[in-house]
């Protein structure tokens, strides 16, 4: 820990600049992560898209339909 004041020629970064840099880095990292995820690079799967299809509704037994 520095116990002396910095000289006139030296300037510290300051908490505001560090917080701003951290916020910008977080925004850029999240943006690049979403682009990477949406592109599918490195997923190891084929380029075919999986389509989910709903199952057909179950039919009632014929004995229940007679009543």
PDB file of N, CA and C in Angstrom:
ATOM      1  N   UNK A   1       0.842  -1.164   0.000  1.00  0.00           N
ATOM      2  CA  UNK A   1       0.000   0.000   0.000  1.00  0.00           C
ATOM      3  C   UNK A   1       0.894   1.235   0.000  1.00  0.00           C
ATOM      4  N   UNK A   2       0.530   2.197  -0.813  1.00  0.00           N
ATOM      5  CA  UNK A   2       1.320   3.413  -0.927  1.00  0.00           C
ATOM      6  C   UNK A   2       0.892   4.383   0.167  1.00  0.00           C
ATOM      7  N   UNK A   3       1.851   4.886   0.919  1.00  0.00           N
ATOM      8  CA  UNK A   3       1.547   5.789   2.022  1.00  0.00           C
ATOM      9  C   UNK A   3       1.842   7.245   1.693  1.00  0.00           C
ATOM     10  N   UNK A   4       2.412   7.504   0.523  1.00  0.00           N
ATOM     11  CA  UNK A   4       2.705   8.881   0.137  1.00  0.00           C
ATOM     12  C   UNK A   4       1.777   9.304  -0.981  1.00  0.00           C
ATOM     13  N   UNK A   5       1.554  10.593  -1.079  1.00  0.00           N
ATOM     14  CA  UNK A   5       0.713  11.118  -2.157  1.00  0.00           C
ATOM     15  C   UNK A   5       1.480  11.047  -3.467  1.00  0.00           C
ATOM     16  N   UNK A   6       0.775  10.740  -4.575  1.00  0.00           N
ATOM     17  CA  UNK A   6       1.474  10.730  -5.863  1.00  0.00           C
ATOM     18  C   UNK A   6       1.906  12.145  -6.242  1.00  0.00           C
ATOM     19  N   UNK A   7       3.006  12.238  -6.958  1.00  0.00           N
ATOM     20  CA  UNK A   7       3.486  13.549  -7.378  1.00  0.00           C
ATOM     21  C   UNK A   7       2.557  14.133  -8.431  1.00  0.00           C
ATOM     22  N   UNK A   8       2.773  15.370  -8.772  1.00  0.00           N
ATOM     23  CA  UNK A   8       1.917  16.060  -9.727  1.00  0.00           C
ATOM     24  C   UNK A   8       1.921  15.361 -11.094  1.00  0.00           C
ATOM     25  N   UNK A   9       3.025  14.752 -11.469  1.00  0.00           N
ATOM     26  CA  UNK A   9       3.130  14.109 -12.782  1.00  0.00           C
ATOM     27  C   UNK A   9       2.366  12.799 -12.865  1.00  0.00           C
ATOM     28  N   UNK A  10       2.143  12.138 -11.736  1.00  0.00           N
ATOM     29  CA  UNK A  10       1.450  10.845 -11.734  1.00  0.00           C
ATOM     30  C   UNK A  10      -0.031  11.054 -11.438  1.00  0.00           C
ATOM     31  N   UNK A  11      -0.864  10.325 -12.131  1.00  0.00           N
ATOM     32  CA  UNK A  11      -2.304  10.405 -11.884  1.00  0.00           C
ATOM     33  C   UNK A  11      -2.836   8.990 -11.719  1.00  0.00           C
ATOM     34  N   UNK A  12      -3.701   8.797 -10.760  1.00  0.00           N
ATOM     35  CA  UNK A  12      -4.298   7.477 -10.571  1.00  0.00           C
ATOM     36  C   UNK A  12      -5.483   7.334 -11.527  1.00  0.00           C
ATOM     37  N   UNK A  13      -5.860   6.105 -11.793  1.00  0.00           N
ATOM     38  CA  UNK A  13      -6.976   5.866 -12.716  1.00  0.00           C
ATOM     39  C   UNK A  13      -8.295   6.313 -12.117  1.00  0.00           C
ATOM     40  N   UNK A  14      -8.485   6.075 -10.862  1.00  0.00           N
ATOM     41  CA  UNK A  14      -9.730   6.475 -10.227  1.00  0.00           C
ATOM     42  C   UNK A  14     -10.779   5.389 -10.327  1.00  0.00           C
ATOM     43  N   UNK A  15     -11.631   5.339  -9.343  1.00  0.00           N
ATOM     44  CA  UNK A  15     -12.655   4.300  -9.272  1.00  0.00           C
ATOM     45  C   UNK A  15     -13.687   4.432 -10.380  1.00  0.00           C
ATOM     46  N   UNK A  16     -13.988   5.658 -10.778  1.00  0.00           N
ATOM     47  CA  UNK A  16     -15.014   5.860 -11.818  1.00  0.00           C
ATOM     48  C   UNK A  16     -14.532   5.314 -13.156  1.00  0.00           C
ATOM     49  N   UNK A  17     -13.283   5.564 -13.504  1.00  0.00           N
ATOM     50  CA  UNK A  17     -12.757   5.049 -14.772  1.00  0.00           C
ATOM     51  C   UNK A  17     -12.677   3.531 -14.767  1.00  0.00           C
ATOM     52  N   UNK A  18     -12.292   2.951 -13.647  1.00  0.00           N
ATOM     53  CA  UNK A  18     -12.210   1.496 -13.553  1.00  0.00           C
ATOM     54  C   UNK A  18     -13.603   0.875 -13.658  1.00  0.00           C
ATOM     55  N   UNK A  19     -14.591   1.475 -12.991  1.00  0.00           N
ATOM     56  CA  UNK A  19     -15.961   0.964 -13.070  1.00  0.00           C
ATOM     57  C   UNK A  19     -16.500   1.080 -14.495  1.00  0.00           C
ATOM     58  N   UNK A  20     -16.201   2.176 -15.178  1.00  0.00           N
ATOM     59  CA  UNK A  20     -16.638   2.347 -16.562  1.00  0.00           C
ATOM     60  C   UNK A  20     -15.989   1.305 -17.467  1.00  0.00           C
ATOM     61  N   UNK A  21     -14.699   1.074 -17.279  1.00  0.00           N
ATOM     62  CA  UNK A  21     -14.005   0.062 -18.081  1.00  0.00           C
ATOM     63  C   UNK A  21     -14.589  -1.329 -17.829  1.00  0.00           C
ATOM     64  N   UNK A  22     -14.916  -1.617 -16.587  1.00  0.00           N
ATOM     65  CA  UNK A  22     -15.508  -2.911 -16.253  1.00  0.00           C
ATOM     66  C   UNK A  22     -16.884  -3.076 -16.895  1.00  0.00           C
ATOM     67  N   UNK A  23     -17.694  -2.019 -16.878  1.00  0.00           N
ATOM     68  CA  UNK A  23     -19.020  -2.076 -17.493  1.00  0.00           C
ATOM     69  C   UNK A  23     -18.919  -2.273 -19.005  1.00  0.00           C
ATOM     70  N   UNK A  24     -17.996  -1.589 -19.639  1.00  0.00           N
ATOM     71  CA  UNK A  24     -17.807  -1.740 -21.093  1.00  0.00           C
ATOM     72  C   UNK A  24     -17.333  -3.153 -21.424  1.00  0.00           C
ATOM     73  N   UNK A  25     -16.395  -3.678 -20.644  1.00  0.00           N
ATOM     74  CA  UNK A  25     -15.894  -5.032 -20.879  1.00  0.00           C
ATOM     75  C   UNK A  25     -16.999  -6.070 -20.696  1.00  0.00           C
ATOM     76  N   UNK A  26     -17.853  -5.882 -19.697  1.00  0.00           N
ATOM     77  CA  UNK A  26     -18.948  -6.820 -19.470  1.00  0.00           C
ATOM     78  C   UNK A  26     -19.938  -6.773 -20.633  1.00  0.00           C
ATOM     79  N   UNK A  27     -20.255  -5.589 -21.120  1.00  0.00           N
ATOM     80  CA  UNK A  27     -21.180  -5.448 -22.246  1.00  0.00           C
ATOM     81  C   UNK A  27     -20.614  -6.104 -23.501  1.00  0.00           C
ATOM     82  N   UNK A  28     -19.344  -5.839 -23.802  1.00  0.00           N
ATOM     83  CA  UNK A  28     -18.722  -6.435 -24.987  1.00  0.00           C
ATOM     84  C   UNK A  28     -18.623  -7.958 -24.861  1.00  0.00           C
ATOM     85  N   UNK A  29     -18.297  -8.440 -23.682  1.00  0.00           N
ATOM     86  CA  UNK A  29     -18.206  -9.888 -23.478  1.00  0.00           C
ATOM     87  C   UNK A  29     -19.550 -10.572 -23.653  1.00  0.00           C
ATOM     88  N   UNK A  30     -20.603  -9.964 -23.117  1.00  0.00           N
ATOM     89  CA  UNK A  30     -21.940 -10.539 -23.269  1.00  0.00           C
ATOM     90  C   UNK A  30     -22.384 -10.514 -24.724  1.00  0.00           C
ATOM     91  N   UNK A  31     -22.085  -9.428 -25.426  1.00  0.00           N
ATOM     92  CA  UNK A  31     -22.462  -9.326 -26.836  1.00  0.00           C
ATOM     93  C   UNK A  31     -21.749 -10.376 -27.680  1.00  0.00           C
ATOM     94  N   UNK A  32     -20.449 -10.502 -27.463  1.00  0.00           N
ATOM     95  CA  UNK A  32     -19.700 -11.506 -28.225  1.00  0.00           C
ATOM     96  C   UNK A  32     -20.140 -12.922 -27.866  1.00  0.00           C
ATOM     97  N   UNK A  33     -20.493 -13.163 -26.624  1.00  0.00           N
ATOM     98  CA  UNK A  33     -20.979 -14.479 -26.227  1.00  0.00           C
ATOM     99  C   UNK A  33     -22.296 -14.829 -26.896  1.00  0.00           C
ATOM    100  N   UNK A  34     -23.189 -13.845 -27.023  1.00  0.00           N
ATOM    101  CA  UNK A  34     -24.468 -14.114 -27.694  1.00  0.00           C
ATOM    102  C   UNK A  34     -24.263 -14.372 -29.181  1.00  0.00           C
ATOM    103  N   UNK A  35     -23.340 -13.645 -29.812  1.00  0.00           N
ATOM    104  CA  UNK A  35     -23.037 -13.879 -31.230  1.00  0.00           C
ATOM    105  C   UNK A  35     -22.437 -15.262 -31.408  1.00  0.00           C
ATOM    106  N   UNK A  36     -21.520 -15.636 -30.527  1.00  0.00           N
ATOM    107  CA  UNK A  36     -20.881 -16.960 -30.590  1.00  0.00           C
ATOM    108  C   UNK A  36     -21.929 -18.063 -30.421  1.00  0.00           C
ATOM    109  N   UNK A  37     -22.815 -17.888 -29.451  1.00  0.00           N
ATOM    110  CA  UNK A  37     -23.833 -18.903 -29.180  1.00  0.00           C
ATOM    111  C   UNK A  37     -24.807 -19.028 -30.352  1.00  0.00           C
ATOM    112  N   UNK A  38     -25.223 -17.922 -30.932  1.00  0.00           N
ATOM    113  CA  UNK A  38     -26.191 -17.980 -32.026  1.00  0.00           C
ATOM    114  C   UNK A  38     -25.576 -18.520 -33.311  1.00  0.00           C
ATOM    115  N   UNK A  39     -24.257 -18.366 -33.464  1.00  0.00           N
ATOM    116  CA  UNK A  39     -23.612 -18.853 -34.681  1.00  0.00           C
ATOM    117  C   UNK A  39     -23.455 -20.373 -34.665  1.00  0.00           C
ATOM    118  N   UNK A  40     -23.424 -20.980 -33.500  1.00  0.00           N
ATOM    119  CA  UNK A  40     -23.305 -22.431 -33.407  1.00  0.00           C
ATOM    120  C   UNK A  40     -21.896 -22.944 -33.590  1.00  0.00           C
ATOM    121  N   UNK A  41     -20.917 -22.059 -33.564  1.00  0.00           N
ATOM    122  CA  UNK A  41     -19.520 -22.479 -33.730  1.00  0.00           C
ATOM    123  C   UNK A  41     -19.112 -23.315 -32.526  1.00  0.00           C
ATOM    124  N   UNK A  42     -18.534 -24.471 -32.785  1.00  0.00           N
ATOM    125  CA  UNK A  42     -18.018 -25.297 -31.710  1.00  0.00           C
ATOM    126  C   UNK A  42     -19.057 -26.149 -31.002  1.00  0.00           C
ATOM    127  N   UNK A  43     -20.283 -26.188 -31.528  1.00  0.00           N
ATOM    128  CA  UNK A  43     -21.303 -26.984 -30.852  1.00  0.00           C
ATOM    129  C   UNK A  43     -21.134 -28.471 -31.126  1.00  0.00           C
ATOM    130  N   UNK A  44     -20.464 -28.838 -32.234  1.00  0.00           N
ATOM    131  CA  UNK A  44     -20.226 -30.236 -32.543  1.00  0.00           C
ATOM    132  C   UNK A  44     -21.437 -30.932 -33.148  1.00  0.00           C
ATOM    133  N   UNK A  45     -22.512 -30.220 -33.328  1.00  0.00           N
ATOM    134  CA  UNK A  45     -23.709 -30.813 -33.914  1.00  0.00           C
ATOM    135  C   UNK A  45     -23.746 -30.509 -35.406  1.00  0.00           C
ATOM    136  N   UNK A  46     -24.535 -31.301 -36.134  1.00  0.00           N
ATOM    137  CA  UNK A  46     -24.676 -31.032 -37.553  1.00  0.00           C
ATOM    138  C   UNK A  46     -25.487 -29.750 -37.732  1.00  0.00           C
ATOM    139  N   UNK A  47     -25.514 -29.260 -38.963  1.00  0.00           N
ATOM    140  CA  UNK A  47     -26.177 -27.995 -39.219  1.00  0.00           C
ATOM    141  C   UNK A  47     -27.689 -28.138 -39.325  1.00  0.00           C
ATOM    142  N   UNK A  48     -28.193 -29.351 -39.214  1.00  0.00           N
ATOM    143  CA  UNK A  48     -29.634 -29.541 -39.265  1.00  0.00           C
ATOM    144  C   UNK A  48     -30.267 -29.006 -37.997  1.00  0.00           C
ATOM    145  N   UNK A  49     -31.413 -28.369 -38.169  1.00  0.00           N
ATOM    146  CA  UNK A  49     -32.111 -27.857 -37.001  1.00  0.00           C
ATOM    147  C   UNK A  49     -33.073 -28.912 -36.495  1.00  0.00           C
ATOM    148  N   UNK A  50     -33.175 -29.019 -35.203  1.00  0.00           N
ATOM    149  CA  UNK A  50     -34.077 -29.974 -34.585  1.00  0.00           C
ATOM    150  C   UNK A  50     -35.462 -29.353 -34.502  1.00  0.00           C
ATOM    151  N   UNK A  51     -36.468 -30.095 -34.975  1.00  0.00           N
ATOM    152  CA  UNK A  51     -37.842 -29.604 -34.921  1.00  0.00           C
ATOM    153  C   UNK A  51     -38.631 -30.485 -33.970  1.00  0.00           C
ATOM    154  N   UNK A  52     -39.236 -29.860 -32.981  1.00  0.00           N
ATOM    155  CA  UNK A  52     -40.054 -30.596 -32.033  1.00  0.00           C
ATOM    156  C   UNK A  52     -41.486 -30.661 -32.554  1.00  0.00           C
ATOM    157  N   UNK A  53     -42.062 -31.857 -32.489  1.00  0.00           N
ATOM    158  CA  UNK A  53     -43.423 -32.071 -32.971  1.00  0.00           C
ATOM    159  C   UNK A  53     -44.258 -32.567 -31.808  1.00  0.00           C
ATOM    160  N   UNK A  54     -45.436 -32.002 -31.663  1.00  0.00           N
ATOM    161  CA  UNK A  54     -46.321 -32.421 -30.575  1.00  0.00           C
ATOM    162  C   UNK A  54     -46.848 -33.828 -30.847  1.00  0.00           C
ATOM    163  N   UNK A  55     -47.013 -34.601 -29.790  1.00  0.00           N
ATOM    164  CA  UNK A  55     -47.570 -35.931 -29.928  1.00  0.00           C
ATOM    165  C   UNK A  55     -49.059 -35.833 -30.275  1.00  0.00           C
ATOM    166  N   UNK A  56     -49.554 -36.886 -30.938  1.00  0.00           N
ATOM    167  CA  UNK A  56     -50.981 -36.912 -31.246  1.00  0.00           C
ATOM    168  C   UNK A  56     -51.764 -37.126 -29.954  1.00  0.00           C
ATOM    169  N   UNK A  57     -52.954 -36.536 -29.850  1.00  0.00           N
ATOM    170  CA  UNK A  57     -53.743 -36.742 -28.635  1.00  0.00           C
ATOM    171  C   UNK A  57     -54.142 -38.218 -28.498  1.00  0.00           C
ATOM    172  N   UNK A  58     -54.176 -38.688 -27.279  1.00  0.00           N
ATOM    173  CA  UNK A  58     -54.527 -40.088 -27.027  1.00  0.00           C
ATOM    174  C   UNK A  58     -56.006 -40.303 -27.323  1.00  0.00           C
ATOM    175  N   UNK A  59     -56.308 -41.437 -27.957  1.00  0.00           N
ATOM    176  CA  UNK A  59     -57.695 -41.768 -28.262  1.00  0.00           C
ATOM    177  C   UNK A  59     -58.308 -42.501 -27.062  1.00  0.00           C
ATOM    178  N   UNK A  60     -59.571 -42.237 -26.847  1.00  0.00           N
ATOM    179  CA  UNK A  60     -60.284 -42.920 -25.765  1.00  0.00           C
ATOM    180  C   UNK A  60     -60.569 -44.360 -26.203  1.00  0.00           C
ATOM    181  N   UNK A  61     -60.577 -45.286 -25.272  1.00  0.00           N
ATOM    182  CA  UNK A  61     -60.894 -46.671 -25.634  1.00  0.00           C
ATOM    183  C   UNK A  61     -62.292 -46.759 -26.232  1.00  0.00           C
ATOM    184  N   UNK A  62     -62.478 -47.748 -27.108  1.00  0.00           N
ATOM    185  CA  UNK A  62     -63.775 -47.888 -27.784  1.00  0.00           C
ATOM    186  C   UNK A  62     -64.902 -48.160 -26.797  1.00  0.00           C
ATOM    187  N   UNK A  63     -64.645 -48.837 -25.709  1.00  0.00           N
ATOM    188  CA  UNK A  63     -65.693 -49.125 -24.726  1.00  0.00           C
ATOM    189  C   UNK A  63     -66.195 -47.832 -24.074  1.00  0.00           C
ATOM    190  N   UNK A  64     -65.322 -46.840 -23.924  1.00  0.00           N
ATOM    191  CA  UNK A  64     -65.747 -45.584 -23.317  1.00  0.00           C
ATOM    192  C   UNK A  64     -66.530 -44.740 -24.308  1.00  0.00           C
ATOM    193  N   UNK A  65     -66.301 -44.926 -25.593  1.00  0.00           N
ATOM    194  CA  UNK A  65     -67.031 -44.149 -26.597  1.00  0.00           C
ATOM    195  C   UNK A  65     -68.462 -44.643 -26.753  1.00  0.00           C
ATOM    196  N   UNK A  66     -68.748 -45.881 -26.424  1.00  0.00           N
ATOM    197  CA  UNK A  66     -70.078 -46.454 -26.613  1.00  0.00           C
ATOM    198  C   UNK A  66     -71.070 -45.868 -25.616  1.00  0.00           C
ATOM    199  N   UNK A  67     -70.646 -45.400 -24.483  1.00  0.00           N
ATOM    200  CA  UNK A  67     -71.564 -44.900 -23.445  1.00  0.00           C
ATOM    201  C   UNK A  67     -71.955 -43.534 -23.693  1.00  0.00           C
TER     202      UNK A  67
END
